[in-house]
Amino acid sequence: CGPIAFVGLVVPHVARRLAGVDYRWIVPYAGL
């Protein structure tokens, strides 16, 4: 789709707010 900004920067922070600090949950949360 070409370069799309801010998704990779902002989404992980949203995932952290939802899933806590465990990356085993942060990563799948960030994908969805």
PDB file of all heavy atoms in Angstrom:
ATOM      1  N   CYS A   1       0.790  -1.232   0.000  1.00  0.00           N
ATOM      2  CA  CYS A   1       0.000   0.000   0.000  1.00  0.00           C
ATOM      3  C   CYS A   1       0.818   1.276   0.000  1.00  0.00           C
ATOM      4  O   CYS A   1       0.258   2.364   0.107  1.00  0.00           O
ATOM      5  CB  CYS A   1      -0.927   0.017   1.223  1.00  0.00           C
ATOM      6  SG  CYS A   1      -2.238  -1.213   1.165  1.00  0.00           S
ATOM      7  N   GLY A   2       2.145   1.178  -0.101  1.00  0.00           N
ATOM      8  CA  GLY A   2       2.973   2.364  -0.007  1.00  0.00           C
ATOM      9  C   GLY A   2       3.239   2.694   1.461  1.00  0.00           C
ATOM     10  O   GLY A   2       2.707   2.050   2.364  1.00  0.00           O
ATOM     11  N   PRO A   3       4.052   3.714   1.706  1.00  0.00           N
ATOM     12  CA  PRO A   3       4.390   4.073   3.098  1.00  0.00           C
ATOM     13  C   PRO A   3       3.195   4.688   3.822  1.00  0.00           C
ATOM     14  O   PRO A   3       2.583   5.635   3.325  1.00  0.00           O
ATOM     15  CB  PRO A   3       5.527   5.085   2.935  1.00  0.00           C
ATOM     16  CG  PRO A   3       5.354   5.635   1.554  1.00  0.00           C
ATOM     17  CD  PRO A   3       4.758   4.543   0.725  1.00  0.00           C
ATOM     18  N   ILE A   4       2.862   4.129   4.982  1.00  0.00           N
ATOM     19  CA  ILE A   4       1.768   4.643   5.812  1.00  0.00           C
ATOM     20  C   ILE A   4       2.331   4.936   7.195  1.00  0.00           C
ATOM     21  O   ILE A   4       2.837   4.039   7.875  1.00  0.00           O
ATOM     22  CB  ILE A   4       0.609   3.639   5.899  1.00  0.00           C
ATOM     23  CG1 ILE A   4       0.016   3.409   4.498  1.00  0.00           C
ATOM     24  CG2 ILE A   4      -0.470   4.144   6.849  1.00  0.00           C
ATOM     25  CD1 ILE A   4      -1.097   2.378   4.470  1.00  0.00           C
ATOM     26  N   ALA A   5       2.256   6.181   7.588  1.00  0.00           N
ATOM     27  CA  ALA A   5       2.902   6.623   8.822  1.00  0.00           C
ATOM     28  C   ALA A   5       2.027   6.380  10.044  1.00  0.00           C
ATOM     29  O   ALA A   5       0.811   6.210   9.941  1.00  0.00           O
ATOM     30  CB  ALA A   5       3.245   8.109   8.714  1.00  0.00           C
ATOM     31  N   PHE A   6       2.675   6.366  11.196  1.00  0.00           N
ATOM     32  CA  PHE A   6       2.069   6.429  12.532  1.00  0.00           C
ATOM     33  C   PHE A   6       1.428   5.132  13.019  1.00  0.00           C
ATOM     34  O   PHE A   6       1.215   4.985  14.219  1.00  0.00           O
ATOM     35  CB  PHE A   6       1.034   7.560  12.622  1.00  0.00           C
ATOM     36  CG  PHE A   6       1.639   8.920  12.515  1.00  0.00           C
ATOM     37  CD1 PHE A   6       1.426   9.700  11.393  1.00  0.00           C
ATOM     38  CD2 PHE A   6       2.435   9.421  13.527  1.00  0.00           C
ATOM     39  CE1 PHE A   6       1.988  10.960  11.290  1.00  0.00           C
ATOM     40  CE2 PHE A   6       3.000  10.676  13.430  1.00  0.00           C
ATOM     41  CZ  PHE A   6       2.786  11.450  12.311  1.00  0.00           C
ATOM     42  N   VAL A   7       1.104   4.185  12.134  1.00  0.00           N
ATOM     43  CA  VAL A   7       0.480   2.949  12.615  1.00  0.00           C
ATOM     44  C   VAL A   7       1.448   2.198  13.527  1.00  0.00           C
ATOM     45  O   VAL A   7       1.100   1.801  14.646  1.00  0.00           O
ATOM     46  CB  VAL A   7       0.049   2.050  11.441  1.00  0.00           C
ATOM     47  CG1 VAL A   7      -0.555   0.748  11.971  1.00  0.00           C
ATOM     48  CG2 VAL A   7      -0.952   2.769  10.558  1.00  0.00           C
ATOM     49  N   GLY A   8       2.679   1.994  13.055  1.00  0.00           N
ATOM     50  CA  GLY A   8       3.656   1.270  13.844  1.00  0.00           C
ATOM     51  C   GLY A   8       4.121   2.017  15.073  1.00  0.00           C
ATOM     52  O   GLY A   8       4.676   1.407  15.998  1.00  0.00           O
ATOM     53  N   LEU A   9       3.888   3.307  15.123  1.00  0.00           N
ATOM     54  CA  LEU A   9       4.295   4.115  16.279  1.00  0.00           C
ATOM     55  C   LEU A   9       3.214   4.170  17.341  1.00  0.00           C
ATOM     56  O   LEU A   9       3.476   3.979  18.533  1.00  0.00           O
ATOM     57  CB  LEU A   9       4.645   5.532  15.820  1.00  0.00           C
ATOM     58  CG  LEU A   9       4.956   6.553  16.920  1.00  0.00           C
ATOM     59  CD1 LEU A   9       6.189   6.134  17.711  1.00  0.00           C
ATOM     60  CD2 LEU A   9       5.142   7.945  16.322  1.00  0.00           C
ATOM     61  N   VAL A  10       1.979   4.414  16.937  1.00  0.00           N
ATOM     62  CA  VAL A  10       0.899   4.683  17.883  1.00  0.00           C
ATOM     63  C   VAL A  10       0.207   3.405  18.359  1.00  0.00           C
ATOM     64  O   VAL A  10      -0.127   3.266  19.545  1.00  0.00           O
ATOM     65  CB  VAL A  10      -0.125   5.651  17.249  1.00  0.00           C
ATOM     66  CG1 VAL A  10      -1.312   5.853  18.175  1.00  0.00           C
ATOM     67  CG2 VAL A  10       0.534   6.983  16.926  1.00  0.00           C
ATOM     68  N   VAL A  11      -0.011   2.461  17.445  1.00  0.00           N
ATOM     69  CA  VAL A  11      -0.789   1.260  17.783  1.00  0.00           C
ATOM     70  C   VAL A  11      -0.208   0.479  18.970  1.00  0.00           C
ATOM     71  O   VAL A  11      -0.966   0.026  19.843  1.00  0.00           O
ATOM     72  CB  VAL A  11      -0.943   0.366  16.533  1.00  0.00           C
ATOM     73  CG1 VAL A  11      -1.357  -1.050  16.920  1.00  0.00           C
ATOM     74  CG2 VAL A  11      -1.971   0.975  15.589  1.00  0.00           C
ATOM     75  N   PRO A  12       1.131   0.276  19.058  1.00  0.00           N
ATOM     76  CA  PRO A  12       1.648  -0.461  20.224  1.00  0.00           C
ATOM     77  C   PRO A  12       1.309   0.186  21.558  1.00  0.00           C
ATOM     78  O   PRO A  12       1.132  -0.515  22.563  1.00  0.00           O
ATOM     79  CB  PRO A  12       3.165  -0.476  19.975  1.00  0.00           C
ATOM     80  CG  PRO A  12       3.307  -0.383  18.498  1.00  0.00           C
ATOM     81  CD  PRO A  12       2.206   0.537  18.075  1.00  0.00           C
ATOM     82  N   HIS A  13       1.193   1.506  21.604  1.00  0.00           N
ATOM     83  CA  HIS A  13       0.829   2.175  22.853  1.00  0.00           C
ATOM     84  C   HIS A  13      -0.626   1.890  23.224  1.00  0.00           C
ATOM     85  O   HIS A  13      -0.962   1.714  24.394  1.00  0.00           O
ATOM     86  CB  HIS A  13       1.070   3.674  22.729  1.00  0.00           C
ATOM     87  CG  HIS A  13       2.519   4.036  22.618  1.00  0.00           C
ATOM     88  ND1 HIS A  13       3.358   4.049  23.703  1.00  0.00           N
ATOM     89  CD2 HIS A  13       3.288   4.363  21.543  1.00  0.00           C
ATOM     90  CE1 HIS A  13       4.582   4.384  23.310  1.00  0.00           C
ATOM     91  NE2 HIS A  13       4.557   4.571  22.003  1.00  0.00           N
ATOM     92  N   VAL A  14      -1.485   1.837  22.200  1.00  0.00           N
ATOM     93  CA  VAL A  14      -2.877   1.456  22.455  1.00  0.00           C
ATOM     94  C   VAL A  14      -2.932   0.026  22.970  1.00  0.00           C
ATOM     95  O   VAL A  14      -3.660  -0.294  23.923  1.00  0.00           O
ATOM     96  CB  VAL A  14      -3.718   1.611  21.173  1.00  0.00           C
ATOM     97  CG1 VAL A  14      -5.150   1.163  21.419  1.00  0.00           C
ATOM     98  CG2 VAL A  14      -3.685   3.045  20.665  1.00  0.00           C
ATOM     99  N   ALA A  15      -2.145  -0.854  22.346  1.00  0.00           N
ATOM    100  CA  ALA A  15      -2.115  -2.255  22.775  1.00  0.00           C
ATOM    101  C   ALA A  15      -1.631  -2.376  24.209  1.00  0.00           C
ATOM    102  O   ALA A  15      -2.151  -3.186  24.992  1.00  0.00           O
ATOM    103  CB  ALA A  15      -1.220  -3.069  21.832  1.00  0.00           C
ATOM    104  N   ARG A  16      -0.639  -1.559  24.594  1.00  0.00           N
ATOM    105  CA  ARG A  16      -0.127  -1.600  25.963  1.00  0.00           C
ATOM    106  C   ARG A  16      -1.190  -1.151  26.971  1.00  0.00           C
ATOM    107  O   ARG A  16      -1.273  -1.690  28.073  1.00  0.00           O
ATOM    108  CB  ARG A  16       1.113  -0.705  26.086  1.00  0.00           C
ATOM    109  CG  ARG A  16       2.399  -1.495  26.093  1.00  0.00           C
ATOM    110  CD  ARG A  16       3.613  -0.615  26.306  1.00  0.00           C
ATOM    111  NE  ARG A  16       4.589  -0.961  25.301  1.00  0.00           N
ATOM    112  CZ  ARG A  16       4.837  -0.265  24.214  1.00  0.00           C
ATOM    113  NH1 ARG A  16       4.179   0.850  23.995  1.00  0.00           N
ATOM    114  NH2 ARG A  16       5.725  -0.680  23.347  1.00  0.00           N
ATOM    115  N   ARG A  17      -1.969  -0.157  26.586  1.00  0.00           N
ATOM    116  CA  ARG A  17      -3.032   0.295  27.483  1.00  0.00           C
ATOM    117  C   ARG A  17      -4.075  -0.796  27.693  1.00  0.00           C
ATOM    118  O   ARG A  17      -4.706  -0.885  28.746  1.00  0.00           O
ATOM    119  CB  ARG A  17      -3.706   1.549  26.903  1.00  0.00           C
ATOM    120  CG  ARG A  17      -2.828   2.784  26.857  1.00  0.00           C
ATOM    121  CD  ARG A  17      -2.488   3.263  28.249  1.00  0.00           C
ATOM    122  NE  ARG A  17      -3.678   3.658  28.995  1.00  0.00           N
ATOM    123  CZ  ARG A  17      -4.150   4.880  29.048  1.00  0.00           C
ATOM    124  NH1 ARG A  17      -3.540   5.855  28.414  1.00  0.00           N
ATOM    125  NH2 ARG A  17      -5.234   5.159  29.762  1.00  0.00           N
ATOM    126  N   LEU A  18      -4.270  -1.637  26.693  1.00  0.00           N
ATOM    127  CA  LEU A  18      -5.273  -2.691  26.781  1.00  0.00           C
ATOM    128  C   LEU A  18      -4.733  -3.976  27.393  1.00  0.00           C
ATOM    129  O   LEU A  18      -5.446  -4.680  28.112  1.00  0.00           O
ATOM    130  CB  LEU A  18      -5.838  -3.004  25.384  1.00  0.00           C
ATOM    131  CG  LEU A  18      -6.567  -1.869  24.657  1.00  0.00           C
ATOM    132  CD1 LEU A  18      -6.920  -2.301  23.244  1.00  0.00           C
ATOM    133  CD2 LEU A  18      -7.818  -1.463  25.414  1.00  0.00           C
ATOM    134  N   ALA A  19      -3.471  -4.303  27.101  1.00  0.00           N
ATOM    135  CA  ALA A  19      -2.932  -5.620  27.436  1.00  0.00           C
ATOM    136  C   ALA A  19      -1.918  -5.601  28.562  1.00  0.00           C
ATOM    137  O   ALA A  19      -1.490  -6.667  29.012  1.00  0.00           O
ATOM    138  CB  ALA A  19      -2.302  -6.251  26.194  1.00  0.00           C
ATOM    139  N   GLY A  20      -1.478  -4.433  29.031  1.00  0.00           N
ATOM    140  CA  GLY A  20      -0.471  -4.393  30.079  1.00  0.00           C
ATOM    141  C   GLY A  20       0.938  -4.423  29.520  1.00  0.00           C
ATOM    142  O   GLY A  20       1.182  -3.951  28.410  1.00  0.00           O
ATOM    143  N   VAL A  21       1.865  -5.009  30.260  1.00  0.00           N
ATOM    144  CA  VAL A  21       3.284  -4.932  29.907  1.00  0.00           C
ATOM    145  C   VAL A  21       3.841  -6.239  29.369  1.00  0.00           C
ATOM    146  O   VAL A  21       5.012  -6.304  29.019  1.00  0.00           O
ATOM    147  CB  VAL A  21       4.120  -4.497  31.136  1.00  0.00           C
ATOM    148  CG1 VAL A  21       3.729  -3.107  31.588  1.00  0.00           C
ATOM    149  CG2 VAL A  21       3.968  -5.497  32.284  1.00  0.00           C
ATOM    150  N   ASP A  22       3.040  -7.276  29.300  1.00  0.00           N
ATOM    151  CA  ASP A  22       3.506  -8.582  28.829  1.00  0.00           C
ATOM    152  C   ASP A  22       3.478  -8.610  27.310  1.00  0.00           C
ATOM    153  O   ASP A  22       2.403  -8.541  26.696  1.00  0.00           O
ATOM    154  CB  ASP A  22       2.611  -9.684  29.397  1.00  0.00           C
ATOM    155  CG  ASP A  22       3.160 -11.080  29.126  1.00  0.00           C
ATOM    156  OD1 ASP A  22       4.015 -11.227  28.233  1.00  0.00           O
ATOM    157  OD2 ASP A  22       2.730 -12.025  29.816  1.00  0.00           O
ATOM    158  N   TYR A  23       4.665  -8.728  26.677  1.00  0.00           N
ATOM    159  CA  TYR A  23       4.731  -8.691  25.213  1.00  0.00           C
ATOM    160  C   TYR A  23       4.065  -9.898  24.565  1.00  0.00           C
ATOM    161  O   TYR A  23       3.736  -9.852  23.377  1.00  0.00           O
ATOM    162  CB  TYR A  23       6.185  -8.575  24.750  1.00  0.00           C
ATOM    163  CG  TYR A  23       6.632  -7.140  24.653  1.00  0.00           C
ATOM    164  CD1 TYR A  23       7.263  -6.509  25.718  1.00  0.00           C
ATOM    165  CD2 TYR A  23       6.400  -6.395  23.496  1.00  0.00           C
ATOM    166  CE1 TYR A  23       7.652  -5.182  25.640  1.00  0.00           C
ATOM    167  CE2 TYR A  23       6.784  -5.071  23.405  1.00  0.00           C
ATOM    168  CZ  TYR A  23       7.415  -4.471  24.478  1.00  0.00           C
ATOM    169  OH  TYR A  23       7.786  -3.153  24.392  1.00  0.00           O
ATOM    170  N   ARG A  24       3.863 -10.966  25.305  1.00  0.00           N
ATOM    171  CA  ARG A  24       3.145 -12.102  24.744  1.00  0.00           C
ATOM    172  C   ARG A  24       1.700 -11.745  24.436  1.00  0.00           C
ATOM    173  O   ARG A  24       1.063 -12.386  23.584  1.00  0.00           O
ATOM    174  CB  ARG A  24       3.214 -13.293  25.712  1.00  0.00           C
ATOM    175  CG  ARG A  24       4.607 -13.889  25.870  1.00  0.00           C
ATOM    176  CD  ARG A  24       4.644 -14.940  26.943  1.00  0.00           C
ATOM    177  NE  ARG A  24       4.298 -14.360  28.255  1.00  0.00           N
ATOM    178  CZ  ARG A  24       4.240 -15.070  29.381  1.00  0.00           C
ATOM    179  NH1 ARG A  24       4.485 -16.376  29.346  1.00  0.00           N
ATOM    180  NH2 ARG A  24       3.929 -14.482  30.519  1.00  0.00           N
ATOM    181  N   TRP A  25       1.192 -10.717  25.095  1.00  0.00           N
ATOM    182  CA  TRP A  25      -0.139 -10.196  24.799  1.00  0.00           C
ATOM    183  C   TRP A  25      -0.067  -8.920  23.967  1.00  0.00           C
ATOM    184  O   TRP A  25      -0.928  -8.680  23.115  1.00  0.00           O
ATOM    185  CB  TRP A  25      -0.903  -9.916  26.098  1.00  0.00           C
ATOM    186  CG  TRP A  25      -1.288 -11.155  26.837  1.00  0.00           C
ATOM    187  CD1 TRP A  25      -0.778 -11.606  28.016  1.00  0.00           C
ATOM    188  CD2 TRP A  25      -2.261 -12.125  26.445  1.00  0.00           C
ATOM    189  NE1 TRP A  25      -1.366 -12.788  28.379  1.00  0.00           N
ATOM    190  CE2 TRP A  25      -2.291 -13.133  27.437  1.00  0.00           C
ATOM    191  CE3 TRP A  25      -3.110 -12.235  25.341  1.00  0.00           C
ATOM    192  CZ2 TRP A  25      -3.136 -14.236  27.364  1.00  0.00           C
ATOM    193  CZ3 TRP A  25      -3.963 -13.341  25.264  1.00  0.00           C
ATOM    194  CH2 TRP A  25      -3.966 -14.327  26.265  1.00  0.00           C
ATOM    195  N   ILE A  26       0.935  -8.094  24.211  1.00  0.00           N
ATOM    196  CA  ILE A  26       1.030  -6.820  23.492  1.00  0.00           C
ATOM    197  C   ILE A  26       1.102  -7.052  21.985  1.00  0.00           C
ATOM    198  O   ILE A  26       0.417  -6.368  21.203  1.00  0.00           O
ATOM    199  CB  ILE A  26       2.266  -6.025  23.958  1.00  0.00           C
ATOM    200  CG1 ILE A  26       2.060  -5.497  25.376  1.00  0.00           C
ATOM    201  CG2 ILE A  26       2.547  -4.853  23.010  1.00  0.00           C
ATOM    202  CD1 ILE A  26       3.287  -4.816  25.960  1.00  0.00           C
ATOM    203  N   VAL A  27       1.919  -8.007  21.543  1.00  0.00           N
ATOM    204  CA  VAL A  27       2.124  -8.201  20.103  1.00  0.00           C
ATOM    205  C   VAL A  27       0.833  -8.624  19.387  1.00  0.00           C
ATOM    206  O   VAL A  27       0.455  -8.012  18.382  1.00  0.00           O
ATOM    207  CB  VAL A  27       3.276  -9.195  19.858  1.00  0.00           C
ATOM    208  CG1 VAL A  27       3.344  -9.578  18.383  1.00  0.00           C
ATOM    209  CG2 VAL A  27       4.602  -8.589  20.305  1.00  0.00           C
ATOM    210  N   PRO A  28       0.113  -9.666  19.850  1.00  0.00           N
ATOM    211  CA  PRO A  28      -1.142  -9.986  19.154  1.00  0.00           C
ATOM    212  C   PRO A  28      -2.190  -8.889  19.270  1.00  0.00           C
ATOM    213  O   PRO A  28      -2.948  -8.643  18.309  1.00  0.00           O
ATOM    214  CB  PRO A  28      -1.613 -11.283  19.824  1.00  0.00           C
ATOM    215  CG  PRO A  28      -0.876 -11.371  21.111  1.00  0.00           C
ATOM    216  CD  PRO A  28       0.424 -10.677  20.881  1.00  0.00           C
ATOM    217  N   TYR A  29      -2.254  -8.219  20.432  1.00  0.00           N
ATOM    218  CA  TYR A  29      -3.171  -7.090  20.562  1.00  0.00           C
ATOM    219  C   TYR A  29      -2.825  -6.013  19.527  1.00  0.00           C
ATOM    220  O   TYR A  29      -3.720  -5.433  18.888  1.00  0.00           O
ATOM    221  CB  TYR A  29      -3.090  -6.490  21.968  1.00  0.00           C
ATOM    222  CG  TYR A  29      -4.087  -7.044  22.960  1.00  0.00           C
ATOM    223  CD1 TYR A  29      -3.991  -8.359  23.403  1.00  0.00           C
ATOM    224  CD2 TYR A  29      -5.112  -6.264  23.457  1.00  0.00           C
ATOM    225  CE1 TYR A  29      -4.894  -8.871  24.321  1.00  0.00           C
ATOM    226  CE2 TYR A  29      -6.019  -6.761  24.388  1.00  0.00           C
ATOM    227  CZ  TYR A  29      -5.909  -8.075  24.814  1.00  0.00           C
ATOM    228  OH  TYR A  29      -6.804  -8.579  25.724  1.00  0.00           O
ATOM    229  N   ALA A  30      -1.534  -5.712  19.375  1.00  0.00           N
ATOM    230  CA  ALA A  30      -1.114  -4.675  18.430  1.00  0.00           C
ATOM    231  C   ALA A  30      -1.494  -5.052  17.000  1.00  0.00           C
ATOM    232  O   ALA A  30      -1.879  -4.184  16.210  1.00  0.00           O
ATOM    233  CB  ALA A  30       0.393  -4.453  18.538  1.00  0.00           C
ATOM    234  N   GLY A  31      -1.387  -6.329  16.662  1.00  0.00           N
ATOM    235  CA  GLY A  31      -1.774  -6.750  15.322  1.00  0.00           C
ATOM    236  C   GLY A  31      -3.247  -6.508  15.047  1.00  0.00           C
ATOM    237  O   GLY A  31      -3.622  -5.952  13.998  1.00  0.00           O
ATOM    238  N   LEU A  32      -4.107  -6.907  15.985  1.00  0.00           N
ATOM    239  CA  LEU A  32      -5.545  -6.724  15.789  1.00  0.00           C
ATOM    240  C   LEU A  32      -5.935  -5.249  15.838  1.00  0.00           C
ATOM    241  O   LEU A  32      -6.770  -4.796  15.050  1.00  0.00           O
ATOM    242  CB  LEU A  32      -6.318  -7.510  16.847  1.00  0.00           C
ATOM    243  CG  LEU A  32      -6.277  -9.037  16.706  1.00  0.00           C
ATOM    244  CD1 LEU A  32      -7.001  -9.710  17.865  1.00  0.00           C
ATOM    245  CD2 LEU A  32      -6.894  -9.470  15.385  1.00  0.00           C
TER     246      LEU A  32
END
